[in-house]
Amino acid sequence: MNNNVLTYKGYYGSIEYDLGNKMLYGRLLGIKGAYIYEGSTLNELETDFKQFVDEYLYDCQQDGMHPQKPNLGTFNVRISMDLHFKASETAKKRGQSLNNFVKQAIEHEVNR
């Protein structure tokens, strides 16, 4: 993960800023809902993020709910059967898994 993301107990949080209010804030990434934390400094932001995650996990436990796990890193893409077949065949010819082939294609597009 990059340096602009906070991590704690398997959760990820963004680092953002509001110039008008001169505040840092962040959002819990990869789970449903609007989970926001804030701070005046990076240390305060990180502390609030960790406290937020701890409180979220505690609240879930108290309510008998399973906490959401971040879904970063995996996703489903719907493509035509023809494109799926062609991608599978191309990956096979290159000695790659379809997963690795798609990962490289995305990396190529993101980095160009």
Protein backbone atom coordinates (compact mmCIF):
# COMPACT_ATOMS: atom_id res chain seq x y z
CA MET A 1 0.00 0.00 0.00
CA ASN A 2 1.24 3.53 -0.59
CA ASN A 3 2.48 6.07 1.98
CA ASN A 4 -0.75 8.09 1.79
CA VAL A 5 -2.79 5.40 3.50
CA LEU A 6 -3.03 4.59 7.18
CA THR A 7 -3.15 0.92 8.20
CA TYR A 8 -4.26 -0.64 11.48
CA LYS A 9 -5.62 -4.10 12.37
CA GLY A 10 -6.21 -4.91 8.69
CA TYR A 11 -8.11 -1.68 8.00
CA TYR A 12 -7.05 1.13 5.70
CA GLY A 13 -7.72 4.84 5.96
CA SER A 14 -7.17 7.75 3.63
CA ILE A 15 -5.27 10.92 4.48
CA GLU A 16 -7.06 13.98 3.12
CA TYR A 17 -7.20 17.67 3.94
CA ASP A 18 -9.65 20.53 4.08
CA LEU A 19 -7.75 23.75 3.28
CA GLY A 20 -10.68 25.95 4.24
CA ASN A 21 -10.85 24.56 7.78
CA LYS A 22 -7.14 23.70 7.95
CA MET A 23 -7.99 20.18 9.10
CA LEU A 24 -6.87 16.73 8.14
CA TYR A 25 -9.48 14.03 7.78
CA GLY A 26 -9.75 10.54 6.42
CA ARG A 27 -12.19 7.86 5.44
CA LEU A 28 -12.13 4.17 6.22
CA LEU A 29 -11.42 2.50 2.88
CA GLY A 30 -12.86 -0.65 1.38
CA ILE A 31 -15.97 -1.00 3.55
CA LYS A 32 -19.52 0.25 3.09
CA GLY A 33 -20.56 3.34 4.99
CA ALA A 34 -19.28 6.84 5.68
CA TYR A 35 -16.63 6.37 8.34
CA ILE A 36 -14.70 9.61 8.86
CA TYR A 37 -11.99 10.58 11.37
CA GLU A 38 -10.02 13.81 11.73
CA GLY A 39 -7.10 15.60 13.32
CA SER A 40 -5.13 18.83 13.29
CA THR A 41 -1.80 17.03 12.77
CA LEU A 42 -0.77 13.75 11.16
CA ASN A 43 -0.21 12.27 14.63
CA GLU A 44 -3.71 13.30 15.72
CA LEU A 45 -5.18 11.93 12.50
CA GLU A 46 -3.45 8.59 12.96
CA THR A 47 -4.51 8.40 16.61
CA ASP A 48 -8.13 9.17 15.71
CA PHE A 49 -8.02 6.59 12.90
CA LYS A 50 -6.79 3.87 15.27
CA GLN A 51 -9.32 4.85 17.93
CA PHE A 52 -12.05 4.80 15.31
CA VAL A 53 -11.09 1.27 14.18
CA ASP A 54 -10.98 0.05 17.80
CA GLU A 55 -14.40 1.58 18.51
CA TYR A 56 -15.84 0.13 15.30
CA LEU A 57 -14.63 -3.36 16.24
CA TYR A 58 -15.88 -2.96 19.82
CA ASP A 59 -19.32 -1.77 18.66
CA CYS A 60 -19.62 -4.69 16.26
CA GLN A 61 -18.72 -7.12 19.04
CA GLN A 62 -21.24 -5.51 21.43
CA ASP A 63 -23.98 -5.67 18.77
CA GLY A 64 -23.16 -9.30 17.88
CA MET A 65 -22.25 -8.30 14.33
CA HIS A 66 -19.34 -9.40 12.19
CA PRO A 67 -17.24 -6.36 11.30
CA GLN A 68 -16.84 -5.65 7.61
CA LYS A 69 -13.47 -6.54 6.20
CA PRO A 70 -11.87 -4.22 3.67
CA ASN A 71 -12.42 -5.47 0.12
CA LEU A 72 -9.30 -3.85 -1.28
CA GLY A 73 -7.30 -6.06 -3.60
CA THR A 74 -10.04 -8.20 -5.14
CA PHE A 75 -12.88 -7.37 -7.47
CA ASN A 76 -15.02 -8.97 -10.15
CA VAL A 77 -15.16 -7.67 -13.69
CA ARG A 78 -17.89 -8.69 -16.11
CA ILE A 79 -16.63 -9.20 -19.64
CA SER A 80 -17.94 -11.05 -22.66
CA MET A 81 -17.28 -14.78 -23.00
CA ASP A 82 -15.27 -14.06 -26.14
CA LEU A 83 -12.96 -11.58 -24.39
CA HIS A 84 -12.59 -13.95 -21.42
CA PHE A 85 -11.61 -16.78 -23.77
CA LYS A 86 -9.10 -14.60 -25.65
CA ALA A 87 -7.55 -13.33 -22.42
CA SER A 88 -7.29 -16.89 -21.06
CA GLU A 89 -5.68 -18.14 -24.25
CA THR A 90 -3.22 -15.23 -24.37
CA ALA A 91 -2.25 -15.77 -20.73
CA LYS A 92 -1.80 -19.49 -21.35
CA LYS A 93 0.45 -18.84 -24.37
CA ARG A 94 2.58 -16.54 -22.19
CA GLY A 95 2.77 -19.12 -19.41
CA GLN A 96 0.80 -16.89 -17.02
CA SER A 97 -2.27 -17.27 -14.94
CA LEU A 98 -5.29 -15.27 -16.06
CA ASN A 99 -5.09 -13.35 -12.77
CA ASN A 100 -1.49 -12.30 -13.41
CA PHE A 101 -2.28 -11.41 -17.02
CA VAL A 102 -5.14 -9.10 -15.96
CA LYS A 103 -3.03 -7.60 -13.16
CA GLN A 104 -0.25 -6.74 -15.64
CA ALA A 105 -2.77 -5.25 -18.09
CA ILE A 106 -4.21 -3.01 -15.37
CA GLU A 107 -0.73 -1.97 -14.20
CA HIS A 108 0.17 -1.11 -17.79
CA GLU A 109 -2.92 1.09 -18.23
CA VAL A 110 -2.58 2.80 -14.84
CA ASN A 111 1.12 3.60 -15.38
CA ARG A 112 0.89 4.99 -18.91
